Amino acid sequence: MKKMKRKIPNFKNEDEERGFWAIHSPLDYFDSKKFKRSSFPNLKPSLKSISIRLPEDLLVELKTLANKKDVPYQSLAKIFLAKQIILERESLSSSSGRRKEKVAA
């Protein structure tokens, strides 16, 4: 016989609800078999500020390129980093595939 899930109480305010969920597990109130995968395409990724030291000539070049493209230099730096990370990831995944082929041979 299946165990019945508990009924979620009605809350007077958000503080009461927050206090309730702080000490209760949602798994006692929801059937995990009925969960559905969700996507939130309009959410912006959270950003973290970092400090990075760059040679002055590199920073000047970055700012010059950004000015020509009419974008903030920080945004251009993020674009360059993202592209390079994708290239590196692809390079690593393809080289690990080649290593596996060599081992199998």
N, C-alpha and C. Protein backbone atom coordinates (compact mmCIF):
# COMPACT_ATOMS: atom_id res chain seq x y z
N MET A 1 0.83 -1.19 0.00
CA MET A 1 0.00 0.00 0.00
C MET A 1 0.87 1.25 0.00
N LYS A 2 0.56 2.20 -0.87
CA LYS A 2 1.38 3.41 -0.98
C LYS A 2 1.17 4.32 0.21
N LYS A 3 2.26 4.92 0.64
CA LYS A 3 2.20 5.89 1.73
C LYS A 3 1.66 7.21 1.17
N MET A 4 0.67 7.77 1.82
CA MET A 4 0.10 9.04 1.38
C MET A 4 1.07 10.17 1.70
N LYS A 5 1.21 11.08 0.78
CA LYS A 5 2.04 12.25 1.02
C LYS A 5 1.27 13.21 1.92
N ARG A 6 2.00 13.94 2.75
CA ARG A 6 1.38 14.89 3.67
C ARG A 6 0.81 16.08 2.92
N LYS A 7 -0.17 16.72 3.53
CA LYS A 7 -0.79 17.91 2.95
C LYS A 7 0.00 19.13 3.40
N ILE A 8 0.30 20.02 2.47
CA ILE A 8 1.02 21.25 2.78
C ILE A 8 0.05 22.21 3.47
N PRO A 9 0.43 22.72 4.64
CA PRO A 9 -0.47 23.63 5.35
C PRO A 9 -0.59 24.98 4.63
N ASN A 10 -1.63 25.71 4.96
CA ASN A 10 -1.78 27.08 4.46
C ASN A 10 -0.98 28.01 5.37
N PHE A 11 -0.25 28.92 4.77
CA PHE A 11 0.62 29.81 5.53
C PHE A 11 0.02 31.22 5.56
N LYS A 12 0.25 31.90 6.68
CA LYS A 12 -0.26 33.27 6.83
C LYS A 12 0.60 34.27 6.06
N ASN A 13 1.90 33.96 5.97
CA ASN A 13 2.82 34.88 5.28
C ASN A 13 4.06 34.11 4.84
N GLU A 14 4.94 34.78 4.12
CA GLU A 14 6.15 34.13 3.60
C GLU A 14 7.10 33.71 4.70
N ASP A 15 7.18 34.49 5.78
CA ASP A 15 8.07 34.12 6.88
C ASP A 15 7.65 32.79 7.51
N GLU A 16 6.35 32.60 7.66
CA GLU A 16 5.85 31.34 8.21
C GLU A 16 6.17 30.18 7.26
N GLU A 17 5.99 30.42 5.97
CA GLU A 17 6.29 29.38 4.98
C GLU A 17 7.78 29.06 4.96
N ARG A 18 8.61 30.10 5.01
CA ARG A 18 10.06 29.90 5.04
C ARG A 18 10.47 29.07 6.24
N GLY A 19 9.90 29.39 7.41
CA GLY A 19 10.19 28.64 8.63
C GLY A 19 9.78 27.18 8.51
N PHE A 20 8.63 26.94 7.89
CA PHE A 20 8.14 25.58 7.69
C PHE A 20 9.11 24.77 6.84
N TRP A 21 9.50 25.33 5.67
CA TRP A 21 10.36 24.58 4.76
C TRP A 21 11.79 24.46 5.27
N ALA A 22 12.16 25.31 6.23
CA ALA A 22 13.49 25.21 6.82
C ALA A 22 13.64 23.93 7.65
N ILE A 23 12.51 23.42 8.15
CA ILE A 23 12.59 22.23 9.02
C ILE A 23 11.88 21.01 8.45
N HIS A 24 11.26 21.14 7.28
CA HIS A 24 10.56 20.01 6.66
C HIS A 24 11.15 19.71 5.28
N SER A 25 11.14 18.46 4.91
CA SER A 25 11.64 18.06 3.60
C SER A 25 10.51 18.08 2.57
N PRO A 26 10.74 18.71 1.42
CA PRO A 26 9.73 18.68 0.36
C PRO A 26 9.40 17.25 -0.10
N LEU A 27 10.34 16.33 0.07
CA LEU A 27 10.12 14.95 -0.35
C LEU A 27 9.00 14.27 0.44
N ASP A 28 8.69 14.82 1.63
CA ASP A 28 7.58 14.28 2.41
C ASP A 28 6.23 14.79 1.90
N TYR A 29 6.26 15.77 1.02
CA TYR A 29 5.02 16.42 0.58
C TYR A 29 4.77 16.29 -0.92
N PHE A 30 5.78 15.90 -1.67
CA PHE A 30 5.64 15.78 -3.12
C PHE A 30 6.08 14.40 -3.57
N ASP A 31 5.43 13.87 -4.58
CA ASP A 31 5.79 12.57 -5.14
C ASP A 31 6.86 12.78 -6.21
N SER A 32 8.07 12.34 -5.92
CA SER A 32 9.18 12.57 -6.85
C SER A 32 8.98 11.88 -8.19
N LYS A 33 8.11 10.88 -8.25
CA LYS A 33 7.84 10.21 -9.53
C LYS A 33 7.05 11.11 -10.48
N LYS A 34 6.40 12.12 -9.93
CA LYS A 34 5.62 13.03 -10.76
C LYS A 34 6.41 14.29 -11.15
N PHE A 35 7.65 14.38 -10.72
CA PHE A 35 8.47 15.54 -11.06
C PHE A 35 8.70 15.59 -12.56
N LYS A 36 8.74 16.77 -13.12
CA LYS A 36 9.05 16.97 -14.53
C LYS A 36 10.23 17.91 -14.64
N ARG A 37 11.06 17.66 -15.64
CA ARG A 37 12.20 18.53 -15.87
C ARG A 37 11.70 19.89 -16.34
N SER A 38 12.28 20.93 -15.77
CA SER A 38 11.89 22.29 -16.12
C SER A 38 13.06 23.01 -16.75
N SER A 39 12.74 23.96 -17.60
CA SER A 39 13.80 24.82 -18.12
C SER A 39 13.33 26.25 -17.98
N PHE A 40 14.26 27.12 -17.74
CA PHE A 40 13.98 28.53 -17.56
C PHE A 40 14.85 29.32 -18.53
N PRO A 41 14.45 29.38 -19.79
CA PRO A 41 15.30 29.97 -20.82
C PRO A 41 15.52 31.48 -20.66
N ASN A 42 14.64 32.15 -19.94
CA ASN A 42 14.78 33.60 -19.81
C ASN A 42 15.60 34.03 -18.60
N LEU A 43 16.06 33.06 -17.81
CA LEU A 43 16.89 33.42 -16.66
C LEU A 43 18.29 33.79 -17.13
N LYS A 44 18.79 34.86 -16.59
CA LYS A 44 20.16 35.25 -16.92
C LYS A 44 21.10 34.54 -15.96
N PRO A 45 22.24 34.08 -16.46
CA PRO A 45 23.19 33.43 -15.55
C PRO A 45 23.70 34.43 -14.52
N SER A 46 23.91 33.95 -13.31
CA SER A 46 24.42 34.85 -12.28
C SER A 46 25.87 35.20 -12.61
N LEU A 47 26.21 36.42 -12.30
CA LEU A 47 27.55 36.91 -12.60
C LEU A 47 28.34 37.08 -11.32
N LYS A 48 29.62 36.83 -11.39
CA LYS A 48 30.52 36.99 -10.26
C LYS A 48 31.62 37.95 -10.67
N SER A 49 31.83 38.97 -9.88
CA SER A 49 32.90 39.92 -10.18
C SER A 49 34.24 39.31 -9.79
N ILE A 50 35.22 39.49 -10.67
CA ILE A 50 36.57 39.02 -10.38
C ILE A 50 37.55 40.14 -10.66
N SER A 51 38.71 40.00 -10.11
CA SER A 51 39.78 40.95 -10.39
C SER A 51 40.85 40.20 -11.16
N ILE A 52 41.27 40.77 -12.26
CA ILE A 52 42.29 40.11 -13.08
C ILE A 52 43.35 41.14 -13.47
N ARG A 53 44.58 40.75 -13.36
CA ARG A 53 45.68 41.65 -13.72
C ARG A 53 46.10 41.35 -15.15
N LEU A 54 46.10 42.40 -15.96
CA LEU A 54 46.48 42.28 -17.37
C LEU A 54 47.63 43.23 -17.66
N PRO A 55 48.50 42.84 -18.58
CA PRO A 55 49.51 43.79 -19.02
C PRO A 55 48.80 45.01 -19.63
N GLU A 56 49.35 46.20 -19.38
CA GLU A 56 48.70 47.43 -19.84
C GLU A 56 48.46 47.43 -21.35
N ASP A 57 49.44 46.95 -22.12
CA ASP A 57 49.27 46.97 -23.58
C ASP A 57 48.14 46.04 -24.02
N LEU A 58 47.93 44.93 -23.31
CA LEU A 58 46.83 44.03 -23.63
C LEU A 58 45.48 44.70 -23.33
N LEU A 59 45.42 45.41 -22.21
CA LEU A 59 44.19 46.11 -21.85
C LEU A 59 43.89 47.23 -22.84
N VAL A 60 44.92 47.95 -23.27
CA VAL A 60 44.73 49.02 -24.26
C VAL A 60 44.20 48.42 -25.56
N GLU A 61 44.77 47.31 -25.98
CA GLU A 61 44.33 46.64 -27.21
C GLU A 61 42.88 46.16 -27.09
N LEU A 62 42.55 45.60 -25.95
CA LEU A 62 41.18 45.14 -25.70
C LEU A 62 40.20 46.31 -25.76
N LYS A 63 40.55 47.41 -25.13
CA LYS A 63 39.68 48.59 -25.13
C LYS A 63 39.55 49.17 -26.53
N THR A 64 40.62 49.15 -27.30
CA THR A 64 40.58 49.66 -28.68
C THR A 64 39.65 48.81 -29.53
N LEU A 65 39.80 47.49 -29.43
CA LEU A 65 38.92 46.58 -30.18
C LEU A 65 37.46 46.77 -29.76
N ALA A 66 37.24 46.88 -28.47
CA ALA A 66 35.87 47.05 -27.97
C ALA A 66 35.26 48.35 -28.48
N ASN A 67 36.07 49.39 -28.53
CA ASN A 67 35.59 50.68 -29.03
C ASN A 67 35.21 50.57 -30.50
N LYS A 68 36.02 49.86 -31.28
CA LYS A 68 35.71 49.69 -32.71
C LYS A 68 34.44 48.87 -32.91
N LYS A 69 34.19 47.93 -32.00
CA LYS A 69 32.98 47.09 -32.10
C LYS A 69 31.79 47.72 -31.37
N ASP A 70 32.03 48.84 -30.72
CA ASP A 70 31.00 49.57 -29.98
C ASP A 70 30.36 48.70 -28.89
N VAL A 71 31.21 48.02 -28.13
CA VAL A 71 30.76 47.24 -26.97
C VAL A 71 31.66 47.58 -25.78
N PRO A 72 31.18 47.42 -24.57
CA PRO A 72 32.06 47.63 -23.41
C PRO A 72 33.21 46.62 -23.42
N TYR A 73 34.37 47.06 -22.99
CA TYR A 73 35.53 46.16 -23.07
C TYR A 73 35.37 44.94 -22.17
N GLN A 74 34.65 45.09 -21.04
CA GLN A 74 34.43 43.92 -20.18
C GLN A 74 33.58 42.88 -20.91
N SER A 75 32.59 43.35 -21.66
CA SER A 75 31.74 42.42 -22.42
C SER A 75 32.54 41.72 -23.50
N LEU A 76 33.41 42.46 -24.17
CA LEU A 76 34.25 41.85 -25.20
C LEU A 76 35.19 40.82 -24.59
N ALA A 77 35.73 41.12 -23.41
CA ALA A 77 36.60 40.16 -22.73
C ALA A 77 35.83 38.88 -22.41
N LYS A 78 34.56 39.01 -21.96
CA LYS A 78 33.74 37.83 -21.67
C LYS A 78 33.50 37.01 -22.93
N ILE A 79 33.25 37.70 -24.04
CA ILE A 79 33.03 37.00 -25.32
C ILE A 79 34.27 36.22 -25.71
N PHE A 80 35.43 36.88 -25.63
CA PHE A 80 36.69 36.21 -25.99
C PHE A 80 36.95 35.00 -25.08
N LEU A 81 36.73 35.17 -23.78
CA LEU A 81 36.94 34.06 -22.84
C LEU A 81 36.00 32.90 -23.15
N ALA A 82 34.73 33.21 -23.39
CA ALA A 82 33.75 32.16 -23.67
C ALA A 82 34.12 31.38 -24.93
N LYS A 83 34.53 32.10 -25.99
CA LYS A 83 34.92 31.42 -27.23
C LYS A 83 36.13 30.53 -27.01
N GLN A 84 37.11 31.03 -26.28
CA GLN A 84 38.33 30.25 -26.06
C GLN A 84 38.05 29.03 -25.20
N ILE A 85 37.17 29.17 -24.22
CA ILE A 85 36.82 28.02 -23.37
C ILE A 85 36.15 26.94 -24.20
N ILE A 86 35.27 27.34 -25.12
CA ILE A 86 34.61 26.37 -26.00
C ILE A 86 35.65 25.66 -26.86
N LEU A 87 36.58 26.41 -27.43
CA LEU A 87 37.64 25.80 -28.26
C LEU A 87 38.48 24.83 -27.45
N GLU A 88 38.86 25.24 -26.24
CA GLU A 88 39.69 24.37 -25.39
C GLU A 88 38.93 23.10 -25.01
N ARG A 89 37.65 23.24 -24.68
CA ARG A 89 36.83 22.09 -24.31
C ARG A 89 36.74 21.12 -25.48
N GLU A 90 36.50 21.65 -26.69
CA GLU A 90 36.42 20.79 -27.88
C GLU A 90 37.75 20.11 -28.14
N SER A 91 38.83 20.86 -27.97
CA SER A 91 40.17 20.31 -28.19
C SER A 91 40.46 19.18 -27.20
N LEU A 92 40.09 19.39 -25.96
CA LEU A 92 40.32 18.35 -24.94
C LEU A 92 39.47 17.12 -25.20
N SER A 93 38.23 17.32 -25.59
CA SER A 93 37.37 16.15 -25.82
C SER A 93 37.82 15.37 -27.05
N SER A 94 38.28 16.06 -28.09
CA SER A 94 38.75 15.34 -29.28
C SER A 94 40.09 14.66 -29.02
N SER A 95 40.95 15.29 -28.23
CA SER A 95 42.25 14.67 -27.94
C SER A 95 42.08 13.48 -27.01
N SER A 96 41.10 13.52 -26.10
CA SER A 96 40.89 12.36 -25.23
C SER A 96 40.33 11.20 -26.04
N GLY A 97 39.56 11.49 -27.08
CA GLY A 97 39.06 10.44 -27.97
C GLY A 97 40.19 9.78 -28.73
N ARG A 98 41.18 10.60 -29.15
CA ARG A 98 42.34 10.05 -29.87
C ARG A 98 43.18 9.19 -28.94
N ARG A 99 43.30 9.62 -27.67
CA ARG A 99 44.07 8.82 -26.71
C ARG A 99 43.42 7.46 -26.51
N LYS A 100 42.08 7.42 -26.45
CA LYS A 100 41.38 6.15 -26.27
C LYS A 100 41.61 5.24 -27.46
N GLU A 101 41.63 5.84 -28.69
CA GLU A 101 41.87 5.04 -29.89
C GLU A 101 43.26 4.43 -29.87
N LYS A 102 44.27 5.21 -29.41
CA LYS A 102 45.63 4.70 -29.36
C LYS A 102 45.74 3.55 -28.36
N VAL A 103 45.06 3.68 -27.22
CA VAL A 103 45.11 2.63 -26.21
C VAL A 103 44.45 1.36 -26.74
N ALA A 104 43.36 1.50 -27.48
CA ALA A 104 42.64 0.34 -28.02
C ALA A 104 43.45 -0.35 -29.11
N ALA A 105 44.29 0.38 -29.81
CA ALA A 105 45.03 -0.19 -30.94
C ALA A 105 46.17 -1.07 -30.53
